[in-house]
Amino acid sequence: MIRALTLFLCLIGTAALSESMKLAVTTSFHNSGLSDVLLPVLLEETGLEVQLLIVGTGQALRLGRAGDVDAILVHSRADEDVFVAEGFAPYRREIMYNDFVFIGPSSDPAGIANAASIEQVLNRIAIEKALFVSRGDDSGTHKKERALWQAAALDTETFGAWYKAVGSGMGASLNTASALNAYILADRASWLNFRNKSDLKLLSSRHPELFNQYAYLPINPDKHPHVNVEASQLFENWLTSSRSEHLINAHRINDEALFVFNASK
C-alpha cells in the first residue's frame, strides 16, 4: 500500500486509511487548485488516499498502458477513445468541462481579440510572426493546440523562431509566456489560478472548438490484474456524486467557475 501523502497526514493526523490508489492526472487538474479542494474531502469522507502523478495527458495514457496507475483523468477525447478501443480501460466517463483560452500581450500585436474565428486567431499570429509559446509536451492542451493549427491549414513544422515549444507543464509554460510577453493557449482553470500574469490577458475564448472535456478512465484489470479496482471504483463513485458536483462547481476564482460538473449519475 502507498503511504499517505504528507499533506493528508497533516490534515488527518494519525487517522487510519482504509484504501489507496494511484491516479495520473493532467497538470491543469493540479494547477487549477481543484485537487486541493477534492482530495482532502474525499479522504475524510471515504478513507481513500489518492496519490497523484501529475503529468500531461500523453504521459498519463502511457502510465495507464504500462499499468503504473489505477486510473487516469485526462482531456483528449480522440486519444481516450483509442485507449478504450485497445482495451486498456473498459470505458471512459465524463466528469467535468471548461474551455481553452488564448492568452497574449495586452497590446495584442496580432490583433486576435477581435478575430471572428479560431482560424483567424491563428492566421493573424502566424502572419505577424508574433511570439507564441507552445507546451510542446504531448499534453491534452498541446494536442488541442496542434489540432487547431492543423484545422487552420498551418504547419507548425514550418514556423520560425517565433514559435517556441518549451516541453513544459501548463504553469511553467504560462511563466515562459509571461516572461516573453507571448501568446499561448491555456485551459481557463490554469489561467485563472495563474498568479504571474504580468502584461498578459485573456484575448480570445468562447469559440466552440475550444470546449475542453475531462474524463475518468479506470485501468482494465484484464490488462493489468494488479490494479486496485475497488479503490478506483470508490473514487469514481465519489467523483460523480452530488458532493463532488457541489465542490467542483463551487471552485471559483474572482467569482468565475473553473470547471463545470457534467458527470452522469
C-alpha atoms as a PDB file:
ATOM      1  CA  MET A   1       0.000   0.000   0.000  1.00  0.00           C
ATOM      2  CA  ILE A   2       1.113   3.513  -0.741  1.00  0.00           C
ATOM      3  CA  ARG A   3       1.969   5.591   2.280  1.00  0.00           C
ATOM      4  CA  ALA A   4      -0.180   8.635   2.956  1.00  0.00           C
ATOM      5  CA  LEU A   5       0.958  11.880   1.400  1.00  0.00           C
ATOM      6  CA  THR A   6       2.412  14.420   3.791  1.00  0.00           C
ATOM      7  CA  LEU A   7      -0.444  16.793   3.003  1.00  0.00           C
ATOM      8  CA  PHE A   8      -3.005  14.240   4.037  1.00  0.00           C
ATOM      9  CA  LEU A   9      -1.115  13.322   7.199  1.00  0.00           C
ATOM     10  CA  CYS A  10      -1.177  16.968   8.186  1.00  0.00           C
ATOM     11  CA  LEU A  11      -4.901  17.059   7.560  1.00  0.00           C
ATOM     12  CA  ILE A  12      -5.907  13.944   9.440  1.00  0.00           C
ATOM     13  CA  GLY A  13      -3.058  13.300  11.819  1.00  0.00           C
ATOM     14  CA  THR A  14      -2.807   9.631  12.733  1.00  0.00           C
ATOM     15  CA  ALA A  15      -6.200   8.560  11.401  1.00  0.00           C
ATOM     16  CA  ALA A  16      -6.034   5.168   9.712  1.00  0.00           C
ATOM     17  CA  LEU A  17      -6.550   4.887   5.965  1.00  0.00           C
ATOM     18  CA  SER A  18      -8.632   2.055   4.598  1.00  0.00           C
ATOM     19  CA  GLU A  19      -7.653   2.258   0.919  1.00  0.00           C
ATOM     20  CA  SER A  20      -5.262   3.908  -1.530  1.00  0.00           C
ATOM     21  CA  MET A  21      -4.743   4.269  -5.265  1.00  0.00           C
ATOM     22  CA  LYS A  22      -2.561   5.900  -7.883  1.00  0.00           C
ATOM     23  CA  LEU A  23      -4.144   8.391 -10.274  1.00  0.00           C
ATOM     24  CA  ALA A  24      -2.427  10.005 -13.270  1.00  0.00           C
ATOM     25  CA  VAL A  25      -3.893  13.476 -13.803  1.00  0.00           C
ATOM     26  CA  THR A  26      -3.262  16.419 -16.071  1.00  0.00           C
ATOM     27  CA  THR A  27      -1.246  19.357 -14.825  1.00  0.00           C
ATOM     28  CA  SER A  28      -4.328  21.544 -15.219  1.00  0.00           C
ATOM     29  CA  PHE A  29      -6.242  19.458 -12.669  1.00  0.00           C
ATOM     30  CA  HIS A  30      -3.479  20.230 -10.177  1.00  0.00           C
ATOM     31  CA  ASN A  31      -2.572  23.802 -11.260  1.00  0.00           C
ATOM     32  CA  SER A  32      -6.210  24.850 -11.014  1.00  0.00           C
ATOM     33  CA  GLY A  33      -6.219  24.011  -7.313  1.00  0.00           C
ATOM     34  CA  LEU A  34      -9.071  21.539  -7.774  1.00  0.00           C
ATOM     35  CA  SER A  35      -7.095  18.595  -6.434  1.00  0.00           C
ATOM     36  CA  ASP A  36      -6.517  20.532  -3.205  1.00  0.00           C
ATOM     37  CA  VAL A  37     -10.276  21.036  -2.943  1.00  0.00           C
ATOM     38  CA  LEU A  38     -11.408  17.496  -3.710  1.00  0.00           C
ATOM     39  CA  LEU A  39      -8.862  15.100  -2.282  1.00  0.00           C
ATOM     40  CA  PRO A  40      -8.897  16.128   1.392  1.00  0.00           C
ATOM     41  CA  VAL A  41     -12.710  15.868   1.421  1.00  0.00           C
ATOM     42  CA  LEU A  42     -12.546  12.518  -0.358  1.00  0.00           C
ATOM     43  CA  LEU A  43     -10.102  11.248   2.247  1.00  0.00           C
ATOM     44  CA  GLU A  44     -12.185  12.491   5.150  1.00  0.00           C
ATOM     45  CA  GLU A  45     -15.439  11.055   3.825  1.00  0.00           C
ATOM     46  CA  THR A  46     -14.269   7.730   2.387  1.00  0.00           C
ATOM     47  CA  GLY A  47     -10.831   6.994   3.855  1.00  0.00           C
ATOM     48  CA  LEU A  48      -9.452   6.787   0.322  1.00  0.00           C
ATOM     49  CA  GLU A  49      -5.968   8.181  -0.217  1.00  0.00           C
ATOM     50  CA  VAL A  50      -5.178   9.212  -3.796  1.00  0.00           C
ATOM     51  CA  GLN A  51      -1.556   9.579  -4.824  1.00  0.00           C
ATOM     52  CA  LEU A  52      -1.394  11.900  -7.820  1.00  0.00           C
ATOM     53  CA  LEU A  53       1.032  11.536 -10.692  1.00  0.00           C
ATOM     54  CA  ILE A  54       0.819  14.981 -12.262  1.00  0.00           C
ATOM     55  CA  VAL A  55       1.701  14.744 -15.957  1.00  0.00           C
ATOM     56  CA  GLY A  56       0.419  15.700 -19.387  1.00  0.00           C
ATOM     57  CA  THR A  57      -2.331  13.639 -20.995  1.00  0.00           C
ATOM     58  CA  GLY A  58       0.127  11.812 -23.269  1.00  0.00           C
ATOM     59  CA  GLN A  59       2.228  10.674 -20.320  1.00  0.00           C
ATOM     60  CA  ALA A  60      -0.892   9.786 -18.308  1.00  0.00           C
ATOM     61  CA  LEU A  61      -2.018   7.492 -21.124  1.00  0.00           C
ATOM     62  CA  ARG A  62       1.433   5.881 -21.247  1.00  0.00           C
ATOM     63  CA  LEU A  63       1.318   5.278 -17.490  1.00  0.00           C
ATOM     64  CA  GLY A  64      -2.095   3.689 -17.922  1.00  0.00           C
ATOM     65  CA  ARG A  65      -0.904   1.438 -20.726  1.00  0.00           C
ATOM     66  CA  ALA A  66       2.003   0.296 -18.564  1.00  0.00           C
ATOM     67  CA  GLY A  67      -0.264  -0.409 -15.597  1.00  0.00           C
ATOM     68  CA  ASP A  68       1.634   2.039 -13.406  1.00  0.00           C
ATOM     69  CA  VAL A  69      -1.575   3.685 -12.150  1.00  0.00           C
ATOM     70  CA  ASP A  70      -5.061   2.533 -11.224  1.00  0.00           C
ATOM     71  CA  ALA A  71      -6.891   5.193 -13.245  1.00  0.00           C
ATOM     72  CA  ILE A  72      -6.312   8.331 -15.294  1.00  0.00           C
ATOM     73  CA  LEU A  73      -8.101  11.678 -15.527  1.00  0.00           C
ATOM     74  CA  VAL A  74      -7.343  13.351 -18.853  1.00  0.00           C
ATOM     75  CA  HIS A  75      -8.734  15.606 -21.593  1.00  0.00           C
ATOM     76  CA  SER A  76      -8.114  14.377 -25.123  1.00  0.00           C
ATOM     77  CA  ARG A  77     -11.201  12.596 -26.474  1.00  0.00           C
ATOM     78  CA  ALA A  78      -9.620  11.021 -29.570  1.00  0.00           C
ATOM     79  CA  ASP A  79      -6.770   9.522 -27.548  1.00  0.00           C
ATOM     80  CA  GLU A  80      -9.160   8.350 -24.841  1.00  0.00           C
ATOM     81  CA  ASP A  81     -11.283   6.534 -27.431  1.00  0.00           C
ATOM     82  CA  VAL A  82      -8.180   4.745 -28.728  1.00  0.00           C
ATOM     83  CA  PHE A  83      -7.202   3.840 -25.151  1.00  0.00           C
ATOM     84  CA  VAL A  84     -10.594   2.220 -24.582  1.00  0.00           C
ATOM     85  CA  ALA A  85     -10.601   0.526 -28.004  1.00  0.00           C
ATOM     86  CA  GLU A  86      -7.229  -1.026 -27.207  1.00  0.00           C
ATOM     87  CA  GLY A  87      -8.691  -2.478 -24.015  1.00  0.00           C
ATOM     88  CA  PHE A  88      -6.643  -0.504 -21.501  1.00  0.00           C
ATOM     89  CA  ALA A  89      -9.830   0.939 -19.954  1.00  0.00           C
ATOM     90  CA  PRO A  90     -13.265  -0.686 -20.014  1.00  0.00           C
ATOM     91  CA  TYR A  91     -14.882   2.739 -20.601  1.00  0.00           C
ATOM     92  CA  ARG A  92     -14.406   6.487 -20.263  1.00  0.00           C
ATOM     93  CA  ARG A  93     -16.681   8.549 -18.041  1.00  0.00           C
ATOM     94  CA  GLU A  94     -17.067  12.275 -18.489  1.00  0.00           C
ATOM     95  CA  ILE A  95     -16.636  14.233 -15.265  1.00  0.00           C
ATOM     96  CA  MET A  96     -16.430  17.976 -15.936  1.00  0.00           C
ATOM     97  CA  TYR A  97     -15.510  20.527 -18.549  1.00  0.00           C
ATOM     98  CA  ASN A  98     -14.151  24.002 -19.045  1.00  0.00           C
ATOM     99  CA  ASP A  99     -12.618  25.601 -22.128  1.00  0.00           C
ATOM    100  CA  PHE A 100      -9.346  26.619 -23.672  1.00  0.00           C
ATOM    101  CA  VAL A 101      -8.473  30.296 -23.991  1.00  0.00           C
ATOM    102  CA  PHE A 102      -5.950  32.297 -25.969  1.00  0.00           C
ATOM    103  CA  ILE A 103      -3.764  34.470 -23.777  1.00  0.00           C
ATOM    104  CA  GLY A 104      -1.445  37.174 -25.055  1.00  0.00           C
ATOM    105  CA  PRO A 105       0.120  40.606 -24.518  1.00  0.00           C
ATOM    106  CA  SER A 106      -2.329  43.337 -23.585  1.00  0.00           C
ATOM    107  CA  SER A 107      -1.107  45.278 -26.644  1.00  0.00           C
ATOM    108  CA  ASP A 108      -2.256  42.320 -28.814  1.00  0.00           C
ATOM    109  CA  PRO A 109       0.172  42.877 -31.716  1.00  0.00           C
ATOM    110  CA  ALA A 110      -1.523  40.184 -33.830  1.00  0.00           C
ATOM    111  CA  GLY A 111      -4.985  41.663 -33.213  1.00  0.00           C
ATOM    112  CA  ILE A 112      -6.619  38.399 -32.155  1.00  0.00           C
ATOM    113  CA  ALA A 113      -9.056  39.940 -29.684  1.00  0.00           C
ATOM    114  CA  ASN A 114     -11.494  40.877 -32.445  1.00  0.00           C
ATOM    115  CA  ALA A 115     -10.937  37.774 -34.601  1.00  0.00           C
ATOM    116  CA  ALA A 116     -14.207  36.146 -35.624  1.00  0.00           C
ATOM    117  CA  SER A 117     -12.912  32.570 -35.551  1.00  0.00           C
ATOM    118  CA  ILE A 118     -10.082  30.387 -34.283  1.00  0.00           C
ATOM    119  CA  GLU A 119      -8.786  30.160 -37.854  1.00  0.00           C
ATOM    120  CA  GLN A 120      -8.469  33.944 -37.885  1.00  0.00           C
ATOM    121  CA  VAL A 121      -6.788  33.932 -34.475  1.00  0.00           C
ATOM    122  CA  LEU A 122      -4.095  31.529 -35.613  1.00  0.00           C
ATOM    123  CA  ASN A 123      -3.597  33.064 -39.044  1.00  0.00           C
ATOM    124  CA  ARG A 124      -3.116  36.508 -37.514  1.00  0.00           C
ATOM    125  CA  ILE A 125      -0.496  35.175 -35.109  1.00  0.00           C
ATOM    126  CA  ALA A 126       1.306  33.347 -37.929  1.00  0.00           C
ATOM    127  CA  ILE A 127       1.215  36.311 -40.322  1.00  0.00           C
ATOM    128  CA  GLU A 128       2.503  38.662 -37.633  1.00  0.00           C
ATOM    129  CA  LYS A 129       5.069  36.037 -36.554  1.00  0.00           C
ATOM    130  CA  ALA A 130       4.166  37.054 -33.033  1.00  0.00           C
ATOM    131  CA  LEU A 131       5.875  35.166 -30.223  1.00  0.00           C
ATOM    132  CA  PHE A 132       3.867  32.078 -29.361  1.00  0.00           C
ATOM    133  CA  VAL A 133       4.650  29.613 -26.563  1.00  0.00           C
ATOM    134  CA  SER A 134       3.589  26.008 -27.134  1.00  0.00           C
ATOM    135  CA  ARG A 135       3.660  23.492 -24.315  1.00  0.00           C
ATOM    136  CA  GLY A 136       5.252  21.010 -26.684  1.00  0.00           C
ATOM    137  CA  ASP A 137       4.824  18.180 -24.180  1.00  0.00           C
ATOM    138  CA  ASP A 138       2.171  15.915 -25.747  1.00  0.00           C
ATOM    139  CA  SER A 139      -0.331  17.045 -23.120  1.00  0.00           C
ATOM    140  CA  GLY A 140      -4.041  17.445 -23.785  1.00  0.00           C
ATOM    141  CA  THR A 141      -3.507  21.178 -24.225  1.00  0.00           C
ATOM    142  CA  HIS A 142      -0.643  20.594 -26.647  1.00  0.00           C
ATOM    143  CA  LYS A 143      -2.733  18.074 -28.598  1.00  0.00           C
ATOM    144  CA  LYS A 144      -5.560  20.607 -28.838  1.00  0.00           C
ATOM    145  CA  GLU A 145      -3.193  23.337 -29.972  1.00  0.00           C
ATOM    146  CA  ARG A 146      -1.734  21.134 -32.725  1.00  0.00           C
ATOM    147  CA  ALA A 147      -5.232  20.186 -33.886  1.00  0.00           C
ATOM    148  CA  LEU A 148      -6.227  23.858 -34.077  1.00  0.00           C
ATOM    149  CA  TRP A 149      -3.181  24.779 -36.184  1.00  0.00           C
ATOM    150  CA  GLN A 150      -3.895  21.821 -38.464  1.00  0.00           C
ATOM    151  CA  ALA A 151      -7.566  22.797 -38.835  1.00  0.00           C
ATOM    152  CA  ALA A 152      -6.384  26.270 -39.850  1.00  0.00           C
ATOM    153  CA  ALA A 153      -4.131  24.667 -42.537  1.00  0.00           C
ATOM    154  CA  LEU A 154      -0.984  25.850 -40.764  1.00  0.00           C
ATOM    155  CA  ASP A 155       2.019  23.569 -40.253  1.00  0.00           C
ATOM    156  CA  THR A 156       3.965  24.249 -37.056  1.00  0.00           C
ATOM    157  CA  GLU A 157       6.989  22.447 -38.577  1.00  0.00           C
ATOM    158  CA  THR A 158       7.418  25.383 -40.952  1.00  0.00           C
ATOM    159  CA  PHE A 159       7.294  28.058 -38.253  1.00  0.00           C
ATOM    160  CA  GLY A 160      10.348  30.094 -37.370  1.00  0.00           C
ATOM    161  CA  ALA A 161      11.895  31.110 -34.064  1.00  0.00           C
ATOM    162  CA  TRP A 162       8.749  32.991 -33.077  1.00  0.00           C
ATOM    163  CA  TYR A 163       7.096  29.616 -32.288  1.00  0.00           C
ATOM    164  CA  LYS A 164       8.624  28.306 -29.082  1.00  0.00           C
ATOM    165  CA  ALA A 165       7.846  24.743 -27.971  1.00  0.00           C
ATOM    166  CA  VAL A 166       9.041  24.566 -24.380  1.00  0.00           C
ATOM    167  CA  GLY A 167       8.207  20.973 -23.391  1.00  0.00           C
ATOM    168  CA  SER A 168       6.751  22.050 -20.039  1.00  0.00           C
ATOM    169  CA  GLY A 169       3.584  21.829 -17.998  1.00  0.00           C
ATOM    170  CA  MET A 170       0.890  24.484 -18.042  1.00  0.00           C
ATOM    171  CA  GLY A 171       2.208  26.574 -15.158  1.00  0.00           C
ATOM    172  CA  ALA A 172       5.782  26.635 -16.445  1.00  0.00           C
ATOM    173  CA  SER A 173       4.593  27.393 -19.980  1.00  0.00           C
ATOM    174  CA  LEU A 174       2.494  30.300 -18.730  1.00  0.00           C
ATOM    175  CA  ASN A 175       5.516  31.592 -16.850  1.00  0.00           C
ATOM    176  CA  THR A 176       7.528  31.477 -20.085  1.00  0.00           C
ATOM    177  CA  ALA A 177       4.781  33.301 -21.972  1.00  0.00           C
ATOM    178  CA  SER A 178       4.682  35.913 -19.215  1.00  0.00           C
ATOM    179  CA  ALA A 179       8.453  36.408 -19.370  1.00  0.00           C
ATOM    180  CA  LEU A 180       8.429  36.698 -23.178  1.00  0.00           C
ATOM    181  CA  ASN A 181       5.137  38.611 -23.393  1.00  0.00           C
ATOM    182  CA  ALA A 182       3.976  35.952 -25.840  1.00  0.00           C
ATOM    183  CA  TYR A 183       0.727  34.350 -26.937  1.00  0.00           C
ATOM    184  CA  ILE A 184      -0.235  30.944 -25.535  1.00  0.00           C
ATOM    185  CA  LEU A 185      -3.163  28.521 -25.476  1.00  0.00           C
ATOM    186  CA  ALA A 186      -4.169  27.575 -21.928  1.00  0.00           C
ATOM    187  CA  ASP A 187      -7.082  25.966 -20.162  1.00  0.00           C
ATOM    188  CA  ARG A 188      -9.268  28.507 -18.395  1.00  0.00           C
ATOM    189  CA  ALA A 189      -8.782  26.977 -14.940  1.00  0.00           C
ATOM    190  CA  SER A 190      -4.983  27.183 -15.072  1.00  0.00           C
ATOM    191  CA  TRP A 191      -5.145  30.750 -16.388  1.00  0.00           C
ATOM    192  CA  LEU A 192      -7.499  31.910 -13.652  1.00  0.00           C
ATOM    193  CA  ASN A 193      -5.296  30.338 -10.993  1.00  0.00           C
ATOM    194  CA  PHE A 194      -2.061  31.678 -12.530  1.00  0.00           C
ATOM    195  CA  ARG A 195      -0.574  34.500 -10.464  1.00  0.00           C
ATOM    196  CA  ASN A 196       2.348  35.695 -12.606  1.00  0.00           C
ATOM    197  CA  LYS A 197       0.173  37.243 -15.304  1.00  0.00           C
ATOM    198  CA  SER A 198       2.399  40.298 -15.795  1.00  0.00           C
ATOM    199  CA  ASP A 199       1.217  42.013 -19.021  1.00  0.00           C
ATOM    200  CA  LEU A 200      -0.756  39.006 -20.268  1.00  0.00           C
ATOM    201  CA  LYS A 201      -4.518  38.986 -20.610  1.00  0.00           C
ATOM    202  CA  LEU A 202      -7.249  36.732 -21.948  1.00  0.00           C
ATOM    203  CA  LEU A 203      -7.829  37.800 -25.554  1.00  0.00           C
ATOM    204  CA  SER A 204      -9.957  35.136 -27.242  1.00  0.00           C
ATOM    205  CA  SER A 205     -12.329  32.485 -25.901  1.00  0.00           C
ATOM    206  CA  ARG A 206     -15.839  31.004 -26.082  1.00  0.00           C
ATOM    207  CA  HIS A 207     -15.362  29.510 -29.552  1.00  0.00           C
ATOM    208  CA  PRO A 208     -16.966  26.040 -29.932  1.00  0.00           C
ATOM    209  CA  GLU A 209     -13.632  24.477 -30.913  1.00  0.00           C
ATOM    210  CA  LEU A 210     -12.207  25.389 -27.500  1.00  0.00           C
ATOM    211  CA  PHE A 211     -14.505  23.123 -25.482  1.00  0.00           C
ATOM    212  CA  ASN A 212     -12.423  21.075 -23.028  1.00  0.00           C
ATOM    213  CA  GLN A 213     -13.926  17.871 -21.595  1.00  0.00           C
ATOM    214  CA  TYR A 214     -12.244  15.903 -18.802  1.00  0.00           C
ATOM    215  CA  ALA A 215     -12.869  12.162 -18.465  1.00  0.00           C
ATOM    216  CA  TYR A 216     -12.066   9.421 -15.968  1.00  0.00           C
ATOM    217  CA  LEU A 217     -10.726   6.108 -17.268  1.00  0.00           C
ATOM    218  CA  PRO A 218     -10.160   3.200 -14.841  1.00  0.00           C
ATOM    219  CA  ILE A 219      -7.409   0.821 -15.901  1.00  0.00           C
ATOM    220  CA  ASN A 220      -8.698  -2.539 -17.101  1.00  0.00           C
ATOM    221  CA  PRO A 221      -7.730  -5.363 -14.713  1.00  0.00           C
ATOM    222  CA  ASP A 222      -7.848  -7.771 -17.664  1.00  0.00           C
ATOM    223  CA  LYS A 223      -4.736  -5.959 -18.936  1.00  0.00           C
ATOM    224  CA  HIS A 224      -3.169  -5.357 -15.526  1.00  0.00           C
ATOM    225  CA  PRO A 225      -4.548  -7.654 -12.811  1.00  0.00           C
ATOM    226  CA  HIS A 226      -2.653  -5.841 -10.065  1.00  0.00           C
ATOM    227  CA  VAL A 227      -4.587  -2.573 -10.354  1.00  0.00           C
ATOM    228  CA  ASN A 228      -6.736  -1.588  -7.402  1.00  0.00           C
ATOM    229  CA  VAL A 229     -10.179  -1.928  -8.943  1.00  0.00           C
ATOM    230  CA  GLU A 230     -12.035  -1.385  -5.665  1.00  0.00           C
ATOM    231  CA  ALA A 231     -10.255   1.881  -4.914  1.00  0.00           C
ATOM    232  CA  SER A 232     -10.668   3.094  -8.475  1.00  0.00           C
ATOM    233  CA  GLN A 233     -14.399   2.377  -8.343  1.00  0.00           C
ATOM    234  CA  LEU A 234     -14.733   4.042  -4.951  1.00  0.00           C
ATOM    235  CA  PHE A 235     -13.057   7.166  -6.300  1.00  0.00           C
ATOM    236  CA  GLU A 236     -15.231   7.185  -9.428  1.00  0.00           C
ATOM    237  CA  ASN A 237     -18.409   6.808  -7.370  1.00  0.00           C
ATOM    238  CA  TRP A 238     -17.413   9.723  -5.163  1.00  0.00           C
ATOM    239  CA  LEU A 239     -16.168  11.851  -8.070  1.00  0.00           C
ATOM    240  CA  THR A 240     -19.545  11.536  -9.813  1.00  0.00           C
ATOM    241  CA  SER A 241     -21.598  12.116  -6.657  1.00  0.00           C
ATOM    242  CA  SER A 242     -23.630  15.159  -5.676  1.00  0.00           C
ATOM    243  CA  ARG A 243     -20.978  16.002  -3.085  1.00  0.00           C
ATOM    244  CA  SER A 244     -18.254  16.204  -5.732  1.00  0.00           C
ATOM    245  CA  GLU A 245     -20.597  18.092  -8.073  1.00  0.00           C
ATOM    246  CA  HIS A 246     -21.042  20.809  -5.466  1.00  0.00           C
ATOM    247  CA  LEU A 247     -17.304  21.081  -4.771  1.00  0.00           C
ATOM    248  CA  ILE A 248     -16.373  21.227  -8.468  1.00  0.00           C
ATOM    249  CA  ASN A 249     -18.996  23.819  -9.375  1.00  0.00           C
ATOM    250  CA  ALA A 250     -18.209  25.901  -6.288  1.00  0.00           C
ATOM    251  CA  HIS A 251     -14.479  26.089  -7.071  1.00  0.00           C
ATOM    252  CA  ARG A 252     -14.204  29.665  -8.304  1.00  0.00           C
ATOM    253  CA  ILE A 253     -11.703  32.482  -8.663  1.00  0.00           C
ATOM    254  CA  ASN A 254     -12.973  36.068  -8.783  1.00  0.00           C
ATOM    255  CA  ASP A 255     -16.481  34.582  -8.927  1.00  0.00           C
ATOM    256  CA  GLU A 256     -15.666  32.712 -12.161  1.00  0.00           C
ATOM    257  CA  ALA A 257     -16.088  28.936 -12.264  1.00  0.00           C
ATOM    258  CA  LEU A 258     -13.003  26.936 -13.202  1.00  0.00           C
ATOM    259  CA  PHE A 259     -14.903  23.764 -14.126  1.00  0.00           C
ATOM    260  CA  VAL A 260     -18.494  22.680 -14.727  1.00  0.00           C
ATOM    261  CA  PHE A 261     -19.534  19.241 -13.492  1.00  0.00           C
ATOM    262  CA  ASN A 262     -21.319  17.144 -16.152  1.00  0.00           C
ATOM    263  CA  ALA A 263     -20.938  13.541 -14.992  1.00  0.00           C
ATOM    264  CA  SER A 264     -23.935  11.286 -15.498  1.00  0.00           C
ATOM    265  CA  LYS A 265     -25.185   9.908 -12.202  1.00  0.00           C
END
